[in-house]
């Protein structure tokens, strides 16, 4: 996940991928959509490697908001 994020997404300032994925208030609505997609088949929080492998489409939609 770290490689994916740093290759495809620009994180501003000192924000970490962990913060953006689990805590960032700005991304609350997007995170709710991501967790709903994951919750259909898995529990949240999910291991990051499984998030990308198994829920890539939902994760990619979530990360599109980081690029704004």
PDB file of N, CA and C in Angstrom:
ATOM      1  N   UNK A   1       0.822  -1.177   0.000  1.00  0.00           N
ATOM      2  CA  UNK A   1       0.000   0.000   0.000  1.00  0.00           C
ATOM      3  C   UNK A   1       0.870   1.245   0.000  1.00  0.00           C
ATOM      4  N   UNK A   2       1.918   1.240   0.795  1.00  0.00           N
ATOM      5  CA  UNK A   2       2.807   2.393   0.868  1.00  0.00           C
ATOM      6  C   UNK A   2       3.342   2.744  -0.519  1.00  0.00           C
ATOM      7  N   UNK A   3       3.777   1.753  -1.262  1.00  0.00           N
ATOM      8  CA  UNK A   3       4.302   1.988  -2.602  1.00  0.00           C
ATOM      9  C   UNK A   3       3.214   2.522  -3.520  1.00  0.00           C
ATOM     10  N   UNK A   4       2.038   1.932  -3.471  1.00  0.00           N
ATOM     11  CA  UNK A   4       0.926   2.398  -4.311  1.00  0.00           C
ATOM     12  C   UNK A   4       0.627   3.858  -4.022  1.00  0.00           C
ATOM     13  N   UNK A   5       0.496   4.192  -2.775  1.00  0.00           N
ATOM     14  CA  UNK A   5       0.137   5.553  -2.397  1.00  0.00           C
ATOM     15  C   UNK A   5       1.195   6.545  -2.848  1.00  0.00           C
ATOM     16  N   UNK A   6       2.435   6.226  -2.610  1.00  0.00           N
ATOM     17  CA  UNK A   6       3.486   7.171  -2.962  1.00  0.00           C
ATOM     18  C   UNK A   6       3.762   7.219  -4.461  1.00  0.00           C
ATOM     19  N   UNK A   7       3.321   6.218  -5.187  1.00  0.00           N
ATOM     20  CA  UNK A   7       3.470   6.225  -6.640  1.00  0.00           C
ATOM     21  C   UNK A   7       2.326   6.976  -7.304  1.00  0.00           C
ATOM     22  N   UNK A   8       1.116   6.831  -6.790  1.00  0.00           N
ATOM     23  CA  UNK A   8      -0.066   7.336  -7.469  1.00  0.00           C
ATOM     24  C   UNK A   8      -0.745   8.529  -6.805  1.00  0.00           C
ATOM     25  N   UNK A   9      -0.410   8.825  -5.566  1.00  0.00           N
ATOM     26  CA  UNK A   9      -1.153   9.825  -4.823  1.00  0.00           C
ATOM     27  C   UNK A   9      -0.202  10.801  -4.146  1.00  0.00           C
ATOM     28  N   UNK A  10      -0.543  12.073  -4.219  1.00  0.00           N
ATOM     29  CA  UNK A  10       0.252  13.100  -3.553  1.00  0.00           C
ATOM     30  C   UNK A  10      -0.370  13.394  -2.197  1.00  0.00           C
ATOM     31  N   UNK A  11       0.381  13.155  -1.125  1.00  0.00           N
ATOM     32  CA  UNK A  11      -0.090  13.442   0.224  1.00  0.00           C
ATOM     33  C   UNK A  11       0.515  14.769   0.641  1.00  0.00           C
ATOM     34  N   UNK A  12      -0.318  15.670   1.102  1.00  0.00           N
ATOM     35  CA  UNK A  12       0.122  17.010   1.462  1.00  0.00           C
ATOM     36  C   UNK A  12       0.680  17.063   2.877  1.00  0.00           C
ATOM     37  N   UNK A  13       1.741  17.853   3.045  1.00  0.00           N
ATOM     38  CA  UNK A  13       2.296  18.093   4.372  1.00  0.00           C
ATOM     39  C   UNK A  13       2.774  16.833   5.050  1.00  0.00           C
ATOM     40  N   UNK A  14       2.477  16.741   6.339  1.00  0.00           N
ATOM     41  CA  UNK A  14       2.952  15.601   7.119  1.00  0.00           C
ATOM     42  C   UNK A  14       1.896  14.513   7.295  1.00  0.00           C
ATOM     43  N   UNK A  15       0.883  14.507   6.460  1.00  0.00           N
ATOM     44  CA  UNK A  15      -0.159  13.492   6.549  1.00  0.00           C
ATOM     45  C   UNK A  15       0.408  12.140   6.131  1.00  0.00           C
ATOM     46  N   UNK A  16       0.061  11.128   6.883  1.00  0.00           N
ATOM     47  CA  UNK A  16       0.488   9.770   6.544  1.00  0.00           C
ATOM     48  C   UNK A  16      -0.655   9.041   5.860  1.00  0.00           C
ATOM     49  N   UNK A  17      -0.314   7.978   5.181  1.00  0.00           N
ATOM     50  CA  UNK A  17      -1.342   7.149   4.547  1.00  0.00           C
ATOM     51  C   UNK A  17      -2.300   6.604   5.605  1.00  0.00           C
ATOM     52  N   UNK A  18      -1.752   6.228   6.748  1.00  0.00           N
ATOM     53  CA  UNK A  18      -2.565   5.711   7.857  1.00  0.00           C
ATOM     54  C   UNK A  18      -3.590   6.770   8.303  1.00  0.00           C
ATOM     55  N   UNK A  19      -3.143   7.992   8.440  1.00  0.00           N
ATOM     56  CA  UNK A  19      -4.037   9.080   8.836  1.00  0.00           C
ATOM     57  C   UNK A  19      -5.141   9.274   7.792  1.00  0.00           C
ATOM     58  N   UNK A  20      -4.748   9.306   6.526  1.00  0.00           N
ATOM     59  CA  UNK A  20      -5.725   9.521   5.459  1.00  0.00           C
ATOM     60  C   UNK A  20      -6.747   8.386   5.414  1.00  0.00           C
ATOM     61  N   UNK A  21      -6.293   7.170   5.612  1.00  0.00           N
ATOM     62  CA  UNK A  21      -7.166   6.002   5.515  1.00  0.00           C
ATOM     63  C   UNK A  21      -8.088   5.847   6.723  1.00  0.00           C
ATOM     64  N   UNK A  22      -7.587   6.143   7.920  1.00  0.00           N
ATOM     65  CA  UNK A  22      -8.345   5.822   9.129  1.00  0.00           C
ATOM     66  C   UNK A  22      -8.866   7.017   9.926  1.00  0.00           C
ATOM     67  N   UNK A  23      -8.263   8.189   9.788  1.00  0.00           N
ATOM     68  CA  UNK A  23      -8.585   9.267  10.722  1.00  0.00           C
ATOM     69  C   UNK A  23      -9.022  10.585  10.097  1.00  0.00           C
ATOM     70  N   UNK A  24      -8.595  10.889   8.915  1.00  0.00           N
ATOM     71  CA  UNK A  24      -8.789  12.213   8.337  1.00  0.00           C
ATOM     72  C   UNK A  24     -10.264  12.604   8.282  1.00  0.00           C
ATOM     73  N   UNK A  25     -10.606  13.691   8.978  1.00  0.00           N
ATOM     74  CA  UNK A  25     -11.980  14.154   9.013  1.00  0.00           C
ATOM     75  C   UNK A  25     -12.486  14.632   7.661  1.00  0.00           C
ATOM     76  N   UNK A  26     -11.598  15.155   6.854  1.00  0.00           N
ATOM     77  CA  UNK A  26     -11.976  15.649   5.535  1.00  0.00           C
ATOM     78  C   UNK A  26     -12.487  14.511   4.649  1.00  0.00           C
ATOM     79  N   UNK A  27     -11.956  13.314   4.858  1.00  0.00           N
ATOM     80  CA  UNK A  27     -12.314  12.162   4.020  1.00  0.00           C
ATOM     81  C   UNK A  27     -13.361  11.251   4.671  1.00  0.00           C
ATOM     82  N   UNK A  28     -14.075  11.758   5.669  1.00  0.00           N
ATOM     83  CA  UNK A  28     -15.028  10.938   6.413  1.00  0.00           C
ATOM     84  C   UNK A  28     -16.062  10.276   5.502  1.00  0.00           C
ATOM     85  N   UNK A  29     -16.694  11.039   4.619  1.00  0.00           N
ATOM     86  CA  UNK A  29     -17.736  10.470   3.747  1.00  0.00           C
ATOM     87  C   UNK A  29     -17.155   9.431   2.796  1.00  0.00           C
ATOM     88  N   UNK A  30     -15.996   9.717   2.232  1.00  0.00           N
ATOM     89  CA  UNK A  30     -15.349   8.768   1.326  1.00  0.00           C
ATOM     90  C   UNK A  30     -14.959   7.502   2.073  1.00  0.00           C
ATOM     91  N   UNK A  31     -14.457   7.661   3.322  1.00  0.00           N
ATOM     92  CA  UNK A  31     -14.083   6.501   4.131  1.00  0.00           C
ATOM     93  C   UNK A  31     -15.313   5.665   4.454  1.00  0.00           C
ATOM     94  N   UNK A  32     -16.452   6.295   4.701  1.00  0.00           N
ATOM     95  CA  UNK A  32     -17.686   5.552   4.975  1.00  0.00           C
ATOM     96  C   UNK A  32     -18.088   4.696   3.777  1.00  0.00           C
ATOM     97  N   UNK A  33     -17.920   5.233   2.568  1.00  0.00           N
ATOM     98  CA  UNK A  33     -18.213   4.442   1.365  1.00  0.00           C
ATOM     99  C   UNK A  33     -17.234   3.271   1.244  1.00  0.00           C
ATOM    100  N   UNK A  34     -15.965   3.531   1.534  1.00  0.00           N
ATOM    101  CA  UNK A  34     -14.954   2.468   1.471  1.00  0.00           C
ATOM    102  C   UNK A  34     -15.250   1.390   2.506  1.00  0.00           C
ATOM    103  N   UNK A  35     -15.531   1.775   3.736  1.00  0.00           N
ATOM    104  CA  UNK A  35     -15.796   0.773   4.771  1.00  0.00           C
ATOM    105  C   UNK A  35     -17.070  -0.013   4.469  1.00  0.00           C
ATOM    106  N   UNK A  36     -18.064   0.636   3.868  1.00  0.00           N
ATOM    107  CA  UNK A  36     -19.289  -0.083   3.489  1.00  0.00           C
ATOM    108  C   UNK A  36     -18.989  -1.130   2.422  1.00  0.00           C
ATOM    109  N   UNK A  37     -18.136  -0.784   1.469  1.00  0.00           N
ATOM    110  CA  UNK A  37     -17.766  -1.740   0.418  1.00  0.00           C
ATOM    111  C   UNK A  37     -16.997  -2.917   1.012  1.00  0.00           C
ATOM    112  N   UNK A  38     -16.087  -2.626   1.912  1.00  0.00           N
ATOM    113  CA  UNK A  38     -15.294  -3.694   2.550  1.00  0.00           C
ATOM    114  C   UNK A  38     -16.192  -4.566   3.427  1.00  0.00           C
ATOM    115  N   UNK A  39     -17.117  -3.940   4.139  1.00  0.00           N
ATOM    116  CA  UNK A  39     -17.971  -4.661   5.092  1.00  0.00           C
ATOM    117  C   UNK A  39     -18.882  -5.684   4.440  1.00  0.00           C
ATOM    118  N   UNK A  40     -19.050  -5.609   3.137  1.00  0.00           N
ATOM    119  CA  UNK A  40     -19.879  -6.606   2.448  1.00  0.00           C
ATOM    120  C   UNK A  40     -19.273  -8.000   2.553  1.00  0.00           C
ATOM    121  N   UNK A  41     -17.935  -8.074   2.642  1.00  0.00           N
ATOM    122  CA  UNK A  41     -17.280  -9.385   2.690  1.00  0.00           C
ATOM    123  C   UNK A  41     -16.239  -9.521   3.802  1.00  0.00           C
ATOM    124  N   UNK A  42     -15.810  -8.410   4.407  1.00  0.00           N
ATOM    125  CA  UNK A  42     -14.756  -8.445   5.420  1.00  0.00           C
ATOM    126  C   UNK A  42     -15.079  -7.481   6.556  1.00  0.00           C
ATOM    127  N   UNK A  43     -14.263  -7.555   7.613  1.00  0.00           N
ATOM    128  CA  UNK A  43     -14.393  -6.638   8.737  1.00  0.00           C
ATOM    129  C   UNK A  43     -13.470  -5.448   8.550  1.00  0.00           C
ATOM    130  N   UNK A  44     -13.910  -4.298   9.040  1.00  0.00           N
ATOM    131  CA  UNK A  44     -13.095  -3.079   9.023  1.00  0.00           C
ATOM    132  C   UNK A  44     -12.557  -2.843  10.419  1.00  0.00           C
ATOM    133  N   UNK A  45     -11.305  -2.457  10.587  1.00  0.00           N
ATOM    134  CA  UNK A  45     -10.319  -2.213   9.545  1.00  0.00           C
ATOM    135  C   UNK A  45      -9.757  -3.519   9.005  1.00  0.00           C
ATOM    136  N   UNK A  46      -9.364  -3.477   7.768  1.00  0.00           N
ATOM    137  CA  UNK A  46      -8.817  -4.642   7.077  1.00  0.00           C
ATOM    138  C   UNK A  46      -7.315  -4.422   6.886  1.00  0.00           C
ATOM    139  N   UNK A  47      -6.565  -5.499   6.803  1.00  0.00           N
ATOM    140  CA  UNK A  47      -5.126  -5.362   6.538  1.00  0.00           C
ATOM    141  C   UNK A  47      -4.946  -4.628   5.216  1.00  0.00           C
ATOM    142  N   UNK A  48      -3.967  -3.759   5.186  1.00  0.00           N
ATOM    143  CA  UNK A  48      -3.772  -2.912   4.010  1.00  0.00           C
ATOM    144  C   UNK A  48      -3.487  -3.702   2.741  1.00  0.00           C
ATOM    145  N   UNK A  49      -2.722  -4.780   2.854  1.00  0.00           N
ATOM    146  CA  UNK A  49      -2.441  -5.570   1.648  1.00  0.00           C
ATOM    147  C   UNK A  49      -3.716  -6.215   1.109  1.00  0.00           C
ATOM    148  N   UNK A  50      -4.599  -6.636   1.998  1.00  0.00           N
ATOM    149  CA  UNK A  50      -5.865  -7.225   1.561  1.00  0.00           C
ATOM    150  C   UNK A  50      -6.805  -6.155   1.010  1.00  0.00           C
ATOM    151  N   UNK A  51      -6.720  -4.956   1.546  1.00  0.00           N
ATOM    152  CA  UNK A  51      -7.537  -3.865   1.031  1.00  0.00           C
ATOM    153  C   UNK A  51      -7.248  -3.643  -0.442  1.00  0.00           C
ATOM    154  N   UNK A  52      -5.980  -3.622  -0.792  1.00  0.00           N
ATOM    155  CA  UNK A  52      -5.610  -3.392  -2.190  1.00  0.00           C
ATOM    156  C   UNK A  52      -5.884  -4.623  -3.050  1.00  0.00           C
ATOM    157  N   UNK A  53      -5.578  -5.804  -2.535  1.00  0.00           N
ATOM    158  CA  UNK A  53      -5.766  -7.016  -3.333  1.00  0.00           C
ATOM    159  C   UNK A  53      -7.240  -7.344  -3.560  1.00  0.00           C
ATOM    160  N   UNK A  54      -8.017  -7.270  -2.510  1.00  0.00           N
ATOM    161  CA  UNK A  54      -9.392  -7.759  -2.575  1.00  0.00           C
ATOM    162  C   UNK A  54     -10.413  -6.655  -2.868  1.00  0.00           C
ATOM    163  N   UNK A  55     -10.095  -5.428  -2.477  1.00  0.00           N
ATOM    164  CA  UNK A  55     -11.043  -4.324  -2.611  1.00  0.00           C
ATOM    165  C   UNK A  55     -10.421  -3.179  -3.399  1.00  0.00           C
ATOM    166  N   UNK A  56      -9.694  -3.522  -4.428  1.00  0.00           N
ATOM    167  CA  UNK A  56      -8.947  -2.512  -5.182  1.00  0.00           C
ATOM    168  C   UNK A  56      -9.850  -1.425  -5.749  1.00  0.00           C
ATOM    169  N   UNK A  57     -10.970  -1.787  -6.317  1.00  0.00           N
ATOM    170  CA  UNK A  57     -11.847  -0.799  -6.953  1.00  0.00           C
ATOM    171  C   UNK A  57     -12.339   0.231  -5.933  1.00  0.00           C
ATOM    172  N   UNK A  58     -12.805  -0.227  -4.790  1.00  0.00           N
ATOM    173  CA  UNK A  58     -13.281   0.695  -3.752  1.00  0.00           C
ATOM    174  C   UNK A  58     -12.138   1.541  -3.214  1.00  0.00           C
ATOM    175  N   UNK A  59     -10.969   0.938  -3.044  1.00  0.00           N
ATOM    176  CA  UNK A  59      -9.802   1.680  -2.565  1.00  0.00           C
ATOM    177  C   UNK A  59      -9.378   2.734  -3.581  1.00  0.00           C
ATOM    178  N   UNK A  60      -9.395   2.386  -4.848  1.00  0.00           N
ATOM    179  CA  UNK A  60      -9.013   3.339  -5.899  1.00  0.00           C
ATOM    180  C   UNK A  60      -9.980   4.523  -5.919  1.00  0.00           C
ATOM    181  N   UNK A  61     -11.269   4.275  -5.745  1.00  0.00           N
ATOM    182  CA  UNK A  61     -12.247   5.367  -5.682  1.00  0.00           C
ATOM    183  C   UNK A  61     -11.965   6.265  -4.485  1.00  0.00           C
ATOM    184  N   UNK A  62     -11.646   5.656  -3.357  1.00  0.00           N
ATOM    185  CA  UNK A  62     -11.325   6.417  -2.144  1.00  0.00           C
ATOM    186  C   UNK A  62     -10.092   7.291  -2.364  1.00  0.00           C
ATOM    187  N   UNK A  63      -9.070   6.728  -2.976  1.00  0.00           N
ATOM    188  CA  UNK A  63      -7.818   7.482  -3.149  1.00  0.00           C
ATOM    189  C   UNK A  63      -7.930   8.588  -4.192  1.00  0.00           C
ATOM    190  N   UNK A  64      -8.909   8.525  -5.066  1.00  0.00           N
ATOM    191  CA  UNK A  64      -9.095   9.616  -6.034  1.00  0.00           C
ATOM    192  C   UNK A  64      -9.325  10.934  -5.318  1.00  0.00           C
ATOM    193  N   UNK A  65      -9.941  10.899  -4.161  1.00  0.00           N
ATOM    194  CA  UNK A  65     -10.226  12.131  -3.422  1.00  0.00           C
ATOM    195  C   UNK A  65      -8.959  12.751  -2.860  1.00  0.00           C
ATOM    196  N   UNK A  66      -7.906  11.969  -2.665  1.00  0.00           N
ATOM    197  CA  UNK A  66      -6.646  12.493  -2.124  1.00  0.00           C
ATOM    198  C   UNK A  66      -5.950  13.372  -3.132  1.00  0.00           C
ATOM    199  N   UNK A  67      -6.203  13.117  -4.396  1.00  0.00           N
ATOM    200  CA  UNK A  67      -5.494  13.840  -5.467  1.00  0.00           C
ATOM    201  C   UNK A  67      -6.099  15.222  -5.707  1.00  0.00           C
ATOM    202  N   UNK A  68      -7.234  15.501  -5.124  1.00  0.00           N
ATOM    203  CA  UNK A  68      -7.910  16.790  -5.346  1.00  0.00           C
ATOM    204  C   UNK A  68      -7.177  17.924  -4.663  1.00  0.00           C
TER     205      UNK A  68
END
